[in-house]
Structure formats: structure tokens, C-alpha cells
Amino acid sequence: MSARFEEIDWRPTPMGEISLRRRRDPASGTDIFEVKLGDDFLMSSLFTAGEVALAELGLAQLPGDGLDVVVGGLGLGHTAEAVLKDSRVRSLTVVDALGEVIEWHERHLVPLGARLTADPRCRFVAGDFFSLAQSADGLDPDAPERRFHAVLVDIDHSPAHVLHPGHVSFYQPAGLRALAARLHPGGVFALWSDDPPEESFNSALTEVFAEAAAHVVTFDNPLHGGTSANTVYVART
């Protein structure tokens, strides 16, 4: 591989072929890490503002210390890192369906792997977040019916653009009610989306949660010289 491009890992998975790539950005000279699932770009270390905002906006709604947090979707680890920067966090459980992605962090193949694996508050769980969220035992396989102060999710592109048809029901009121049952009273559910705010999903949130809001997060996009935006939904029980 050249110094400008490297395919660090490639694996077949039940969801399709997943690959971790590094490329040198010619403008800045920095290394950009990217994850692809088939031909679909899942994430890039060039754009992390939305992932960080997911953690910051979600945790900002919570008072007090001793917070137990779940992150659905590990990816390159930017949401998890932002959670761990909050000193009030007591524990972080990161759920990812792909053991390959967890292995990238454990083997320190991605920049944040060493930091996340060294933090004793952080634990990785290989599992389908959507199945766990709607199961009788809940989000922690080792502690059935455990409740959390915050659940932060960054897996699908948006509630309307999912990676697998089986995820669709999670974004409906019944799925959101099952998720809300995993939260302490006053707990927070926050969701990252690559699409503009969707009224239908916001309506589903307000049907289930006591309060909900959609936050538009803008950031510079050097690929086209302008700005781009993500949406972070934040809801409280």
C-alpha cells in the first residue's frame, strides 16, 4: 500500500463486506480513517462534529453524577470518546453488532482504540443494539433489566434510511417505548441522523417521551468548500 492509501482490514460479515481504510488528505497532510459497508460509506474521521454533539447534547440534559450510559454503534469511537470526557460518567457500555469493529479498537487499528480500551469505565458488547433494546432482558446481557441514564445511538443513516429493514420498527412508537423502559426516570435518548429533521420521527418521539427536540449541527465540509449538517434528536422520559 502507498503512503497515501491503505486498506487496513477487510472482512465479510452478515451485513455485507466491511472495510477499514486510511488515506492521506493532500490538503492537510493528516490521515483520514474511513469505514465502508459494501459500497456504502458509514463514517469518516474527517466528519466527527455530529458524533461528538450526540454525546454532548444528550449528556447536557442530565443532572448529577454517577451516570450510566449506553452508546449504540461504536464506529471509529468518537461518540464514546466524547462520553468519557464527561467526568460525571460512571460507566459506558458500547454495543456494536459487528465484532470486527470492536476488534479494530482492541487491536488499536483505529486512532481512538487505545484510549477507549484503556478507560476502565468503558466496556464493549458485541450484539445487535436493536434486538437488545426491544428484548425482555434489555441492553446489558450481563445485567438483565438494567436501566441507564442515557442511551445515545448512531447506527443508521437516519430513521428513514436504515442499514437493515429489521431496524425500522425501532423508530416507531412501540420500539421507542421499549427503549424508554430501559431509562431511569428523567433519562435521555439521543439519536444521530444524517438527514434534516423529520417531522414524522419527531412526532413519534413526542408520543413516547415527555419532551423532545431536534438539533441541527453544522460543520465545515472541506470536500466541497462549504458546510454540511447532521441532526441530533434529544428526548427525555
Foldseek 3Di string as FASTA:
>chain_A
DDPAKDFPDWDQDPLAIKTWMWGQDPVPRDIKIWIDGHPRTQDIPVDCQLLLCLQVVQCVLDDDAAFEEEEEDCALNSNVVSNVVPRRYQAYEYEYQDVVRVVCLCVVVHPCSVVQVVDPRYDYDHDDQLCQLQDQQHDDPVHGQAAGQEYGYRAAQALVGGSDPVNNCCLALVNVLSNLSRYDAFGKYKYKHQDDDDPVSLVSQVVRAVDKDKDWDKDADVVVGGIGIIIMMMGTD
